[in-house]
Amino acid sequence: MKYLGILFFTALPLIGSSQDLAELDRRRGFKDIKLGTPIDSLRGTTFKKDLMEKNEFPVRLYAVENPEYETIGEVKVKKVEVKAYKESIYEIVVITNKDTRLMKGMIRSFGKPVYILTTDTYNWKADSLSLTFKDHSRNEIRLTYRYYPVLKQMRIDKGKKIDEIAEDF
């Protein structure tokens, strides 16, 4: 019975953490910018430029300007950008002023992050997306949301290109 109690209290933080990551999965993005949705459903987007993700996949970078995205609580948001692959949003980048309340709020919402020493980032990883918290500059924080189903689609499309090349032989 004593071991059962120890097991319960040891597993309790793990259970709480998974519920918090479920919240990240449920939100699926920043405010009402939802990952995996068509780019034309997002208000206030302005096309910036075409990019190549991983030097292979053509993606489009958009700036998002909307009064709803100017703050997170009392923390000022400096810039919001989204990347789209085949017109689906797969990455959201939010640049904010550096403020300790931002990390505290994220821990309260999503649980304790995993710290990665080599990249000096804090990461939350849910089933279908990840959120990265990193210093962007001396006075700014960068939040990056990435959506796995669209990234997986990129790998599938790469496989199709390789199959097409193989069939040409």
C-alpha atoms as a PDB file:
ATOM      1  CA  MET A   1       0.000   0.000   0.000  1.00  0.00           C
ATOM      2  CA  LYS A   2       2.906   2.305   0.794  1.00  0.00           C
ATOM      3  CA  TYR A   3       4.350   1.753  -2.706  1.00  0.00           C
ATOM      4  CA  LEU A   4       0.979   2.472  -4.292  1.00  0.00           C
ATOM      5  CA  GLY A   5       0.904   5.881  -2.581  1.00  0.00           C
ATOM      6  CA  ILE A   6       4.440   6.678  -3.774  1.00  0.00           C
ATOM      7  CA  LEU A   7       3.527   5.610  -7.313  1.00  0.00           C
ATOM      8  CA  PHE A   8       0.407   7.810  -7.240  1.00  0.00           C
ATOM      9  CA  PHE A   9       2.268  10.951  -6.136  1.00  0.00           C
ATOM     10  CA  THR A  10       5.104  10.278  -8.595  1.00  0.00           C
ATOM     11  CA  ALA A  11       2.713   9.896 -11.547  1.00  0.00           C
ATOM     12  CA  LEU A  12       0.515  12.859 -10.588  1.00  0.00           C
ATOM     13  CA  PRO A  13       2.747  15.540 -12.225  1.00  0.00           C
ATOM     14  CA  LEU A  14       2.856  13.491 -15.432  1.00  0.00           C
ATOM     15  CA  ILE A  15      -0.935  13.294 -15.561  1.00  0.00           C
ATOM     16  CA  GLY A  16      -1.275  17.046 -14.971  1.00  0.00           C
ATOM     17  CA  SER A  17       1.277  17.792 -17.665  1.00  0.00           C
ATOM     18  CA  SER A  18      -0.536  15.772 -20.319  1.00  0.00           C
ATOM     19  CA  GLN A  19      -3.781  17.582 -19.562  1.00  0.00           C
ATOM     20  CA  ASP A  20      -2.026  20.927 -20.044  1.00  0.00           C
ATOM     21  CA  LEU A  21      -0.603  19.809 -23.390  1.00  0.00           C
ATOM     22  CA  ALA A  22      -4.126  18.807 -24.362  1.00  0.00           C
ATOM     23  CA  GLU A  23      -4.978  22.485 -23.872  1.00  0.00           C
ATOM     24  CA  LEU A  24      -2.224  23.419 -26.338  1.00  0.00           C
ATOM     25  CA  ASP A  25      -3.625  20.871 -28.793  1.00  0.00           C
ATOM     26  CA  ARG A  26      -7.158  22.195 -28.263  1.00  0.00           C
ATOM     27  CA  ARG A  27      -6.147  25.825 -28.941  1.00  0.00           C
ATOM     28  CA  ARG A  28      -4.102  24.795 -32.012  1.00  0.00           C
ATOM     29  CA  GLY A  29      -2.496  28.183 -32.509  1.00  0.00           C
ATOM     30  CA  PHE A  30      -2.251  31.769 -31.363  1.00  0.00           C
ATOM     31  CA  LYS A  31      -5.542  33.436 -30.394  1.00  0.00           C
ATOM     32  CA  ASP A  32      -7.869  32.795 -33.370  1.00  0.00           C
ATOM     33  CA  ILE A  33      -5.055  31.976 -35.828  1.00  0.00           C
ATOM     34  CA  LYS A  34      -5.489  28.210 -36.120  1.00  0.00           C
ATOM     35  CA  LEU A  35      -2.783  25.982 -37.540  1.00  0.00           C
ATOM     36  CA  GLY A  36      -3.891  23.861 -40.496  1.00  0.00           C
ATOM     37  CA  THR A  37      -6.557  26.316 -41.645  1.00  0.00           C
ATOM     38  CA  PRO A  38      -6.532  27.940 -45.093  1.00  0.00           C
ATOM     39  CA  ILE A  39      -4.576  31.190 -45.238  1.00  0.00           C
ATOM     40  CA  ASP A  40      -7.464  33.021 -46.903  1.00  0.00           C
ATOM     41  CA  SER A  41      -9.628  32.455 -43.791  1.00  0.00           C
ATOM     42  CA  LEU A  42      -7.294  34.686 -41.763  1.00  0.00           C
ATOM     43  CA  ARG A  43      -8.109  38.407 -41.600  1.00  0.00           C
ATOM     44  CA  GLY A  44      -5.412  41.055 -41.907  1.00  0.00           C
ATOM     45  CA  THR A  45      -2.811  39.047 -43.817  1.00  0.00           C
ATOM     46  CA  THR A  46      -0.366  40.678 -46.197  1.00  0.00           C
ATOM     47  CA  PHE A  47       1.833  38.585 -48.470  1.00  0.00           C
ATOM     48  CA  LYS A  48       5.532  39.263 -47.777  1.00  0.00           C
ATOM     49  CA  LYS A  49       7.504  36.798 -49.895  1.00  0.00           C
ATOM     50  CA  ASP A  50       7.958  33.290 -51.234  1.00  0.00           C
ATOM     51  CA  LEU A  51      10.391  31.076 -49.328  1.00  0.00           C
ATOM     52  CA  MET A  52      11.846  27.597 -49.588  1.00  0.00           C
ATOM     53  CA  GLU A  53      11.396  25.549 -46.407  1.00  0.00           C
ATOM     54  CA  LYS A  54      14.393  23.257 -45.903  1.00  0.00           C
ATOM     55  CA  ASN A  55      15.568  24.293 -49.399  1.00  0.00           C
ATOM     56  CA  GLU A  56      12.878  22.060 -50.952  1.00  0.00           C
ATOM     57  CA  PHE A  57       9.322  23.112 -50.266  1.00  0.00           C
ATOM     58  CA  PRO A  58       7.800  26.326 -51.632  1.00  0.00           C
ATOM     59  CA  VAL A  59       6.043  28.205 -48.843  1.00  0.00           C
ATOM     60  CA  ARG A  60       4.616  31.691 -48.522  1.00  0.00           C
ATOM     61  CA  LEU A  61       5.297  34.122 -45.698  1.00  0.00           C
ATOM     62  CA  TYR A  62       2.532  36.474 -44.590  1.00  0.00           C
ATOM     63  CA  ALA A  63       2.495  39.345 -42.100  1.00  0.00           C
ATOM     64  CA  VAL A  64      -0.624  39.513 -39.949  1.00  0.00           C
ATOM     65  CA  GLU A  65      -1.852  42.906 -38.803  1.00  0.00           C
ATOM     66  CA  ASN A  66      -4.978  42.869 -36.705  1.00  0.00           C
ATOM     67  CA  PRO A  67      -5.793  44.885 -33.561  1.00  0.00           C
ATOM     68  CA  GLU A  68      -6.772  41.640 -31.800  1.00  0.00           C
ATOM     69  CA  TYR A  69      -3.147  40.437 -31.966  1.00  0.00           C
ATOM     70  CA  GLU A  70      -1.459  43.593 -30.616  1.00  0.00           C
ATOM     71  CA  THR A  71      -1.184  42.287 -27.037  1.00  0.00           C
ATOM     72  CA  ILE A  72      -1.097  39.106 -24.989  1.00  0.00           C
ATOM     73  CA  GLY A  73      -2.657  40.316 -21.771  1.00  0.00           C
ATOM     74  CA  GLU A  74      -0.586  43.432 -21.077  1.00  0.00           C
ATOM     75  CA  VAL A  75       2.460  42.256 -23.059  1.00  0.00           C
ATOM     76  CA  LYS A  76       2.916  44.102 -26.367  1.00  0.00           C
ATOM     77  CA  VAL A  77       3.139  41.982 -29.518  1.00  0.00           C
ATOM     78  CA  LYS A  78       5.566  43.496 -32.021  1.00  0.00           C
ATOM     79  CA  LYS A  79       5.010  41.198 -34.988  1.00  0.00           C
ATOM     80  CA  VAL A  80       2.912  38.212 -36.078  1.00  0.00           C
ATOM     81  CA  GLU A  81       3.866  36.197 -39.156  1.00  0.00           C
ATOM     82  CA  VAL A  82       2.493  32.978 -40.593  1.00  0.00           C
ATOM     83  CA  LYS A  83       3.877  30.531 -43.126  1.00  0.00           C
ATOM     84  CA  ALA A  84       1.615  28.556 -45.433  1.00  0.00           C
ATOM     85  CA  TYR A  85       2.322  25.433 -47.476  1.00  0.00           C
ATOM     86  CA  LYS A  86      -0.225  24.761 -50.214  1.00  0.00           C
ATOM     87  CA  GLU A  87      -2.391  27.485 -48.677  1.00  0.00           C
ATOM     88  CA  SER A  88      -2.499  25.797 -45.203  1.00  0.00           C
ATOM     89  CA  ILE A  89      -1.020  27.578 -42.205  1.00  0.00           C
ATOM     90  CA  TYR A  90       1.716  25.435 -40.662  1.00  0.00           C
ATOM     91  CA  GLU A  91       3.807  27.931 -38.685  1.00  0.00           C
ATOM     92  CA  ILE A  92       2.982  30.986 -36.603  1.00  0.00           C
ATOM     93  CA  VAL A  93       5.737  33.293 -35.324  1.00  0.00           C
ATOM     94  CA  VAL A  94       4.886  35.846 -32.631  1.00  0.00           C
ATOM     95  CA  ILE A  95       7.507  38.402 -31.534  1.00  0.00           C
ATOM     96  CA  THR A  96       6.745  40.091 -28.197  1.00  0.00           C
ATOM     97  CA  ASN A  97       8.419  42.360 -25.701  1.00  0.00           C
ATOM     98  CA  LYS A  98      10.417  40.446 -23.117  1.00  0.00           C
ATOM     99  CA  ASP A  99       8.227  40.028 -20.028  1.00  0.00           C
ATOM    100  CA  THR A 100       8.394  37.333 -17.327  1.00  0.00           C
ATOM    101  CA  ARG A 101       4.593  37.250 -17.091  1.00  0.00           C
ATOM    102  CA  LEU A 102       4.490  35.709 -20.570  1.00  0.00           C
ATOM    103  CA  MET A 103       6.366  32.566 -19.483  1.00  0.00           C
ATOM    104  CA  LYS A 104       4.378  32.347 -16.246  1.00  0.00           C
ATOM    105  CA  GLY A 105       1.114  32.490 -18.181  1.00  0.00           C
ATOM    106  CA  MET A 106       2.272  29.838 -20.622  1.00  0.00           C
ATOM    107  CA  ILE A 107       3.300  27.527 -17.783  1.00  0.00           C
ATOM    108  CA  ARG A 108      -0.119  28.025 -16.217  1.00  0.00           C
ATOM    109  CA  SER A 109      -1.861  27.256 -19.528  1.00  0.00           C
ATOM    110  CA  PHE A 110       0.312  24.476 -20.969  1.00  0.00           C
ATOM    111  CA  GLY A 111       2.335  23.100 -18.059  1.00  0.00           C
ATOM    112  CA  LYS A 112       6.064  23.084 -17.494  1.00  0.00           C
ATOM    113  CA  PRO A 113       8.085  23.176 -20.741  1.00  0.00           C
ATOM    114  CA  VAL A 114      11.107  21.096 -21.675  1.00  0.00           C
ATOM    115  CA  TYR A 115      14.299  23.169 -21.704  1.00  0.00           C
ATOM    116  CA  ILE A 116      16.759  22.390 -24.501  1.00  0.00           C
ATOM    117  CA  LEU A 117      20.218  23.612 -23.561  1.00  0.00           C
ATOM    118  CA  THR A 118      21.830  23.439 -27.010  1.00  0.00           C
ATOM    119  CA  THR A 119      19.285  25.799 -28.578  1.00  0.00           C
ATOM    120  CA  ASP A 120      18.438  27.722 -25.380  1.00  0.00           C
ATOM    121  CA  THR A 121      14.710  27.176 -25.958  1.00  0.00           C
ATOM    122  CA  TYR A 122      11.703  26.093 -23.949  1.00  0.00           C
ATOM    123  CA  ASN A 123       9.416  23.661 -25.781  1.00  0.00           C
ATOM    124  CA  TRP A 124       5.914  22.342 -25.360  1.00  0.00           C
ATOM    125  CA  LYS A 125       5.108  19.390 -27.616  1.00  0.00           C
ATOM    126  CA  ALA A 126       1.540  18.152 -28.092  1.00  0.00           C
ATOM    127  CA  ASP A 127       0.258  15.450 -30.435  1.00  0.00           C
ATOM    128  CA  SER A 128      -0.220  17.658 -33.479  1.00  0.00           C
ATOM    129  CA  LEU A 129       1.858  20.764 -32.767  1.00  0.00           C
ATOM    130  CA  SER A 130       4.739  22.267 -30.852  1.00  0.00           C
ATOM    131  CA  LEU A 131       5.327  25.645 -29.249  1.00  0.00           C
ATOM    132  CA  THR A 132       8.823  27.069 -28.812  1.00  0.00           C
ATOM    133  CA  PHE A 133       9.723  29.977 -26.514  1.00  0.00           C
ATOM    134  CA  LYS A 134      13.086  31.597 -27.282  1.00  0.00           C
ATOM    135  CA  ASP A 135      14.927  34.907 -26.945  1.00  0.00           C
ATOM    136  CA  HIS A 136      14.714  36.756 -30.236  1.00  0.00           C
ATOM    137  CA  SER A 137      16.866  39.702 -29.240  1.00  0.00           C
ATOM    138  CA  ARG A 138      17.907  41.511 -26.093  1.00  0.00           C
ATOM    139  CA  ASN A 139      14.395  42.873 -25.497  1.00  0.00           C
ATOM    140  CA  GLU A 140      12.202  40.437 -27.449  1.00  0.00           C
ATOM    141  CA  ILE A 141      10.797  36.920 -27.182  1.00  0.00           C
ATOM    142  CA  ARG A 142       9.940  34.687 -30.142  1.00  0.00           C
ATOM    143  CA  LEU A 143       7.049  32.220 -29.898  1.00  0.00           C
ATOM    144  CA  THR A 144       6.916  29.669 -32.723  1.00  0.00           C
ATOM    145  CA  TYR A 145       3.950  27.348 -33.242  1.00  0.00           C
ATOM    146  CA  ARG A 146       4.534  24.469 -35.713  1.00  0.00           C
ATOM    147  CA  TYR A 147       1.859  22.091 -37.013  1.00  0.00           C
ATOM    148  CA  TYR A 148       2.927  18.475 -37.623  1.00  0.00           C
ATOM    149  CA  PRO A 149       0.243  17.315 -40.122  1.00  0.00           C
ATOM    150  CA  VAL A 150       1.334  19.920 -42.695  1.00  0.00           C
ATOM    151  CA  LEU A 151       5.010  19.135 -42.063  1.00  0.00           C
ATOM    152  CA  LYS A 152       4.181  15.456 -42.592  1.00  0.00           C
ATOM    153  CA  GLN A 153       2.464  16.396 -45.869  1.00  0.00           C
ATOM    154  CA  MET A 154       5.722  18.037 -46.979  1.00  0.00           C
ATOM    155  CA  ARG A 155       7.585  14.755 -46.428  1.00  0.00           C
ATOM    156  CA  ILE A 156       4.881  12.839 -48.325  1.00  0.00           C
ATOM    157  CA  ASP A 157       5.159  15.282 -51.235  1.00  0.00           C
ATOM    158  CA  LYS A 158       8.947  14.814 -51.219  1.00  0.00           C
ATOM    159  CA  GLY A 159       8.424  11.052 -51.446  1.00  0.00           C
ATOM    160  CA  LYS A 160       6.096  11.556 -54.424  1.00  0.00           C
ATOM    161  CA  LYS A 161       8.759  13.620 -56.205  1.00  0.00           C
ATOM    162  CA  ILE A 162      11.322  10.872 -55.629  1.00  0.00           C
ATOM    163  CA  ASP A 163       8.879   8.251 -56.948  1.00  0.00           C
ATOM    164  CA  GLU A 164       8.302  10.351 -60.076  1.00  0.00           C
ATOM    165  CA  ILE A 165      12.053  10.558 -60.676  1.00  0.00           C
ATOM    166  CA  ALA A 166      12.447   6.804 -60.120  1.00  0.00           C
ATOM    167  CA  GLU A 167       9.677   6.057 -62.660  1.00  0.00           C
ATOM    168  CA  ASP A 168      11.461   8.136 -65.305  1.00  0.00           C
ATOM    169  CA  PHE A 169      14.457   5.745 -65.366  1.00  0.00           C
END
